Amino acid sequence: MMNSIIEDIKRSFDSGNMITRLIIVNIAVFMFLALFNAFLPSVYTSFSNWIYIPSSPIKLLTRPWTILTHMFAHLGMWHMAFNMLILYWFGRIVGDLLNDRRVLPLYLLGGFAGAVAYFLVTNFAGVTGGNAHGASAAVLCIVAAAAWTSPNYTVRLLFLGDVKIKWIAAAVIFVNVLATQGNINTGGAWGHLGGLAFGAYYVWQLRKGSDITEPMQDTINWMADKYNGIPKKEKTSLKVTHVAAKKSSIKKQRTSTNSTGLQKQVDIILDKIKVNGYDSLTDEEKEILFTASKK
C-alpha cells in the first residue's frame, strides 16, 4: 500500500502544476515536523530554531537559510490546511492568468517580503517577536496578485455563494491591519501585510511592462536544467545562403507579427476579466489565454 501511495504522490508531483508541487512539499514538511514534535518534543524545540526565521539580527546572520525554510514550516494542522486551501484556490487563478512559471517566484518573493516586514517591525517598531514560520505571507502574496490582476473574478464560497475576489482580498487586508494593533501574533500580521503588498506591487509593475520575477524564473529554470541533466545549448556555425536568410527573415517577421497580435488579444481579454470576471470569457477567449500562458 505504501508503495502505491508513494507512486501516486510522485506522479502528481511530476505531472502537476506548480501549485500542486508546492502543496505536496508543504504537506510533506508538515508531516515530518509533526511526527518529529510528537515523538521527540524536546529535540524538536531546539531543531525548530534552525528552520523558523528569528527576529534577532545576530541569529539571522548565523541562520540565513531560515529566510527560505520558514515559509514551508507549519506546526499546527489547521494553520497548514487553511494556507494550502487558499493557495489552491488563488494559485489556480494566478497560474491561469499570469502563467504557471510565475507561481513559484511569486510564492518565494512574497514569503521573503513577509520575512522582511516581520524583521523590520520586531527590530525597529517595538513589536515583540521570537521567530516566525508558515506560508501565510507567501500565500497572501498569491491572493493579492490574483485580486489585483482580476478583481472581479468570482469564486463560490460555502454559506456566502458567489463572491468577487477583490472583496476577499479587502477582508484579508482589513483583518491583518486590525491584528497589527493586537497582542497576538502582531509580528505575523505585519508579515502577512508584507506578502500582500508585494503581490499588489508585482501586478502593478507587470502592467507597466516589468516582470520583476524574471531573474528568479531564469535561476529556477537553470537549476531545473542542471537537475534534469539538460546540457546548455551551444551556438553552432551555419552557412546560410541569401535565399535562406530571406526566408528566415520573413518567418521571423511573421512570428513577431503573430506574437504582437496574440499579446493584443491577451491584453483585451485581461481587461475584460478585470471588468466582468473570468466567467464572462467565451471558450475561444479562454483558449487564447491558455495558449498565451504556454509561451
Protein backbone atom coordinates (compact mmCIF):
# COMPACT_ATOMS: atom_id res chain seq x y z
CA MET A 1 0.00 0.00 0.00
CA MET A 2 2.78 2.42 0.89
CA ASN A 3 4.45 1.90 -2.46
CA SER A 4 1.17 2.71 -4.20
CA ILE A 5 0.78 5.91 -2.17
CA ILE A 6 4.35 6.99 -2.89
CA GLU A 7 3.90 6.33 -6.61
CA ASP A 8 0.69 8.38 -6.65
CA ILE A 9 2.48 11.29 -4.94
CA LYS A 10 5.40 11.08 -7.38
CA ARG A 11 3.03 11.02 -10.32
CA SER A 12 1.11 14.03 -9.01
CA PHE A 13 4.33 15.93 -8.38
CA ASP A 14 5.80 15.17 -11.80
CA SER A 15 2.64 15.83 -13.81
CA GLY A 16 1.05 18.54 -11.68
CA ASN A 17 1.39 22.29 -11.96
CA MET A 18 3.45 24.41 -9.56
CA ILE A 19 0.55 24.83 -7.11
CA THR A 20 0.26 21.04 -6.81
CA ARG A 21 4.00 20.75 -6.19
CA LEU A 22 4.02 23.49 -3.56
CA ILE A 23 1.12 21.87 -1.72
CA ILE A 24 2.83 18.46 -1.78
CA VAL A 25 6.07 19.93 -0.41
CA ASN A 26 4.26 21.85 2.34
CA ILE A 27 2.26 18.81 3.43
CA ALA A 28 5.37 16.59 3.41
CA VAL A 29 7.31 19.06 5.55
CA PHE A 30 4.35 19.42 7.93
CA MET A 31 4.06 15.65 8.39
CA PHE A 32 7.79 15.37 9.09
CA LEU A 33 7.71 18.19 11.66
CA ALA A 34 4.51 16.93 13.29
CA LEU A 35 5.96 13.44 13.75
CA PHE A 36 9.24 14.90 14.98
CA ASN A 37 7.39 17.04 17.53
CA ALA A 38 5.16 14.13 18.65
CA PHE A 39 7.94 11.64 19.31
CA LEU A 40 10.89 13.91 20.15
CA PRO A 41 9.35 17.13 21.52
CA SER A 42 12.42 18.26 23.44
CA VAL A 43 14.69 17.77 20.43
CA TYR A 44 12.15 19.42 18.14
CA THR A 45 12.15 22.59 20.23
CA SER A 46 15.86 23.04 19.52
CA PHE A 47 15.54 21.93 15.92
CA SER A 48 12.73 24.40 15.15
CA ASN A 49 15.04 27.28 16.00
CA TRP A 50 17.08 26.33 12.93
CA ILE A 51 14.17 26.35 10.46
CA TYR A 52 11.95 29.17 11.77
CA ILE A 53 13.11 32.68 10.93
CA PRO A 54 14.37 34.53 14.04
CA SER A 55 13.72 38.17 14.80
CA SER A 56 17.22 38.53 16.24
CA PRO A 57 19.67 40.01 13.69
CA ILE A 58 22.57 38.01 15.17
CA LYS A 59 20.68 34.73 14.95
CA LEU A 60 19.53 35.51 11.41
CA LEU A 61 23.13 36.08 10.33
CA THR A 62 24.03 32.62 11.59
CA ARG A 63 20.91 31.01 10.09
CA PRO A 64 20.35 32.75 6.73
CA TRP A 65 18.64 29.67 5.25
CA THR A 66 15.64 30.28 7.53
CA ILE A 67 14.61 33.04 5.11
CA LEU A 68 13.60 30.14 2.85
CA THR A 69 12.79 27.29 5.24
CA HIS A 70 10.34 29.21 7.42
CA MET A 71 7.84 29.58 4.55
CA PHE A 72 7.44 25.80 4.28
CA ALA A 73 7.28 25.06 8.02
CA HIS A 74 3.89 24.63 9.70
CA LEU A 75 3.34 23.04 13.08
CA GLY A 76 -0.42 23.43 13.52
CA MET A 77 -2.57 21.27 11.22
CA TRP A 78 -5.26 23.92 10.75
CA HIS A 79 -2.64 26.56 10.01
CA MET A 80 -1.21 24.37 7.27
CA ALA A 81 -4.60 23.23 5.92
CA PHE A 82 -6.00 26.77 5.70
CA ASN A 83 -2.89 28.05 3.93
CA MET A 84 -2.95 25.20 1.43
CA LEU A 85 -6.66 25.68 0.65
CA ILE A 86 -6.10 29.38 -0.01
CA LEU A 87 -3.03 28.57 -2.11
CA TYR A 88 -5.02 26.06 -4.16
CA TRP A 89 -7.93 28.41 -4.82
CA PHE A 90 -5.97 31.53 -5.65
CA GLY A 91 -2.91 29.83 -7.09
CA ARG A 92 -5.01 28.35 -9.89
CA ILE A 93 -6.21 31.84 -10.79
CA VAL A 94 -2.67 33.22 -10.87
CA GLY A 95 -1.45 30.23 -12.88
CA ASP A 96 -4.25 30.65 -15.44
CA LEU A 97 -3.95 34.41 -15.80
CA LEU A 98 -0.24 35.09 -15.27
CA ASN A 99 1.28 31.74 -16.30
CA ASP A 100 2.31 28.82 -14.10
CA ARG A 101 6.00 29.73 -14.38
CA ARG A 102 5.41 32.84 -12.24
CA VAL A 103 3.78 30.99 -9.34
CA LEU A 104 6.93 29.73 -7.57
CA PRO A 105 8.84 33.04 -7.86
CA LEU A 106 5.80 34.90 -6.50
CA TYR A 107 5.48 32.43 -3.63
CA LEU A 108 9.15 32.76 -2.68
CA LEU A 109 9.37 36.53 -3.10
CA GLY A 110 6.11 37.02 -1.22
CA GLY A 111 7.45 34.91 1.64
CA PHE A 112 10.66 36.93 1.58
CA ALA A 113 8.73 40.23 1.64
CA GLY A 114 6.78 38.97 4.64
CA ALA A 115 10.02 38.00 6.40
CA VAL A 116 11.47 41.47 5.76
CA ALA A 117 8.34 43.14 7.16
CA TYR A 118 8.42 40.88 10.23
CA PHE A 119 12.12 41.53 10.80
CA LEU A 120 11.73 45.32 10.49
CA VAL A 121 8.80 45.71 12.89
CA THR A 122 10.28 43.40 15.52
CA ASN A 123 13.59 45.25 15.49
CA PHE A 124 12.65 48.86 14.78
CA ALA A 125 8.99 49.30 15.72
CA GLY A 126 8.93 47.77 19.18
CA VAL A 127 6.87 44.73 18.17
CA THR A 128 7.60 41.63 20.24
CA GLY A 129 8.77 38.62 18.28
CA GLY A 130 10.76 35.46 18.77
CA ASN A 131 10.57 33.62 15.47
CA ALA A 132 8.14 33.24 12.57
CA HIS A 133 7.06 30.27 10.49
CA GLY A 134 4.42 29.29 7.97
CA ALA A 135 3.50 30.04 4.37
CA SER A 136 0.95 32.77 5.14
CA ALA A 137 2.90 35.69 3.68
CA ALA A 138 3.78 33.69 0.55
CA VAL A 139 0.18 32.53 0.11
CA LEU A 140 -1.25 36.01 0.68
CA CYS A 141 1.12 37.34 -1.97
CA ILE A 142 -0.60 34.94 -4.38
CA VAL A 143 -4.01 36.18 -3.15
CA ALA A 144 -3.05 39.80 -3.78
CA ALA A 145 -1.62 39.00 -7.22
CA ALA A 146 -4.88 37.29 -8.20
CA ALA A 147 -7.07 40.09 -6.84
CA TRP A 148 -5.05 42.88 -8.47
CA THR A 149 -4.92 41.02 -11.79
CA SER A 150 -8.63 40.22 -11.95
CA PRO A 151 -10.53 41.90 -9.08
CA ASN A 152 -13.93 40.86 -10.41
CA TYR A 153 -13.07 37.19 -10.76
CA THR A 154 -15.82 35.32 -8.91
CA VAL A 155 -15.43 32.30 -6.63
CA ARG A 156 -18.13 30.39 -4.79
CA LEU A 157 -17.73 30.26 -1.00
CA LEU A 158 -19.57 28.00 1.41
CA PHE A 159 -22.53 29.80 3.03
CA LEU A 160 -21.75 33.01 1.10
CA GLY A 161 -22.25 31.99 -2.51
CA ASP A 162 -20.53 33.87 -5.33
CA VAL A 163 -18.00 36.43 -4.13
CA LYS A 164 -15.63 38.60 -6.16
CA ILE A 165 -12.04 38.05 -5.08
CA LYS A 166 -11.44 41.77 -4.57
CA TRP A 167 -13.74 41.58 -1.53
CA ILE A 168 -11.88 38.56 -0.18
CA ALA A 169 -8.57 40.41 -0.54
CA ALA A 170 -10.07 43.51 1.08
CA ALA A 171 -11.31 41.43 4.03
CA VAL A 172 -7.90 39.80 4.47
CA ILE A 173 -6.18 43.19 4.44
CA PHE A 174 -8.70 44.61 6.94
CA VAL A 175 -8.29 41.70 9.37
CA ASN A 176 -4.49 41.89 9.27
CA VAL A 177 -4.43 45.68 9.70
CA LEU A 178 -6.54 45.23 12.85
CA ALA A 179 -4.24 42.42 14.01
CA THR A 180 -1.22 44.75 13.92
CA GLN A 181 -2.75 46.56 16.90
CA GLY A 182 -3.39 43.43 18.93
CA ASN A 183 -1.23 41.43 21.29
CA ILE A 184 -1.37 38.06 19.50
CA ASN A 185 0.92 37.39 16.53
CA THR A 186 1.40 41.10 15.86
CA GLY A 187 4.67 40.49 14.02
CA GLY A 188 2.97 37.80 11.94
CA ALA A 189 0.23 40.24 10.91
CA TRP A 190 2.86 42.66 9.64
CA GLY A 191 4.48 39.80 7.76
CA HIS A 192 1.14 38.95 6.13
CA LEU A 193 0.76 42.58 5.03
CA GLY A 194 4.26 42.43 3.59
CA GLY A 195 3.28 39.46 1.43
CA LEU A 196 0.06 41.17 0.34
CA ALA A 197 1.91 44.37 -0.53
CA PHE A 198 4.42 42.54 -2.67
CA GLY A 199 1.69 40.73 -4.61
CA ALA A 200 -0.03 44.02 -5.40
CA TYR A 201 3.27 45.70 -6.28
CA TYR A 202 4.19 42.85 -8.61
CA VAL A 203 0.99 43.19 -10.66
CA TRP A 204 1.40 46.97 -10.76
CA GLN A 205 4.90 46.54 -12.18
CA LEU A 206 3.73 43.85 -14.61
CA ARG A 207 1.09 46.17 -16.03
CA LYS A 208 3.89 48.67 -16.68
CA GLY A 209 5.75 46.01 -18.66
CA SER A 210 8.27 44.98 -15.99
CA ASP A 211 8.26 41.38 -14.71
CA ILE A 212 10.36 41.51 -11.54
CA THR A 213 10.21 37.74 -11.16
CA GLU A 214 12.19 37.12 -14.37
CA PRO A 215 15.62 36.81 -12.70
CA MET A 216 14.22 34.20 -10.32
CA GLN A 217 12.45 32.43 -13.19
CA ASP A 218 15.77 32.20 -15.03
CA THR A 219 17.51 30.88 -11.91
CA ILE A 220 14.82 28.26 -11.31
CA ASN A 221 14.96 27.15 -14.96
CA TRP A 222 18.76 26.90 -14.79
CA MET A 223 18.58 24.80 -11.60
CA ALA A 224 15.89 22.57 -13.14
CA ASP A 225 18.04 22.01 -16.24
CA LYS A 226 21.02 21.11 -14.06
CA TYR A 227 18.91 18.71 -12.01
CA ASN A 228 17.48 17.05 -15.12
CA GLY A 229 20.89 16.89 -16.79
CA ILE A 230 19.88 19.08 -19.73
CA PRO A 231 23.05 20.45 -21.35
CA LYS A 232 23.39 24.11 -22.17
CA LYS A 233 22.59 24.86 -25.77
CA GLU A 234 25.70 25.70 -27.75
CA LYS A 235 25.82 28.04 -30.67
CA THR A 236 26.65 26.37 -33.98
CA SER A 237 28.13 27.94 -37.06
CA LEU A 238 25.92 27.52 -40.08
CA LYS A 239 26.47 28.65 -43.61
CA VAL A 240 23.30 30.41 -44.67
CA THR A 241 22.56 31.37 -48.26
CA HIS A 242 20.90 34.62 -49.23
CA VAL A 243 17.64 32.83 -50.06
CA ALA A 244 17.59 31.00 -46.72
CA ALA A 245 18.31 34.24 -44.88
CA LYS A 246 15.46 35.92 -46.71
CA LYS A 247 13.07 33.10 -45.82
CA SER A 248 14.25 33.19 -42.22
CA SER A 249 13.67 36.93 -42.10
CA ILE A 250 10.15 36.52 -43.47
CA LYS A 251 9.44 33.77 -40.93
CA LYS A 252 10.70 35.94 -38.05
CA GLN A 253 8.55 38.83 -39.24
CA ARG A 254 5.50 36.58 -39.33
CA THR A 255 6.31 35.19 -35.86
CA SER A 256 6.78 38.69 -34.50
CA THR A 257 3.50 39.81 -36.05
CA ASN A 258 1.68 36.78 -34.66
CA SER A 259 3.18 37.34 -31.19
CA THR A 260 2.18 41.00 -31.25
CA GLY A 261 -1.35 40.12 -32.34
CA LEU A 262 -1.62 37.48 -29.64
CA GLN A 263 -0.41 39.91 -26.97
CA LYS A 264 -3.03 42.45 -28.04
CA GLN A 265 -5.71 39.77 -27.76
CA VAL A 266 -4.46 38.80 -24.29
CA ASP A 267 -4.49 42.44 -23.15
CA ILE A 268 -8.10 42.82 -24.33
CA ILE A 269 -9.10 39.59 -22.55
CA LEU A 270 -7.38 40.66 -19.30
CA ASP A 271 -9.23 43.99 -19.44
CA LYS A 272 -12.48 42.07 -19.89
CA ILE A 273 -11.65 39.85 -16.88
CA LYS A 274 -10.89 42.94 -14.80
CA VAL A 275 -14.35 44.38 -15.53
CA ASN A 276 -16.58 41.31 -15.74
CA GLY A 277 -14.61 38.42 -14.23
CA TYR A 278 -13.14 35.24 -15.67
CA ASP A 279 -16.53 33.55 -16.10
CA SER A 280 -17.54 36.17 -18.67
CA LEU A 281 -14.99 34.84 -21.18
CA THR A 282 -16.05 32.79 -24.16
CA ASP A 283 -14.49 29.39 -24.84
CA GLU A 284 -12.43 30.95 -27.63
CA GLU A 285 -11.08 33.66 -25.31
CA LYS A 286 -10.20 31.09 -22.67
CA GLU A 287 -8.35 29.09 -25.32
CA ILE A 288 -6.39 32.19 -26.39
CA LEU A 289 -5.44 32.86 -22.76
CA PHE A 290 -4.39 29.24 -22.31
CA THR A 291 -2.29 29.34 -25.49
CA ALA A 292 -0.57 32.55 -24.40
CA SER A 293 0.24 31.08 -20.98
CA LYS A 294 2.23 28.32 -22.68
CA LYS A 295 4.56 30.72 -24.48
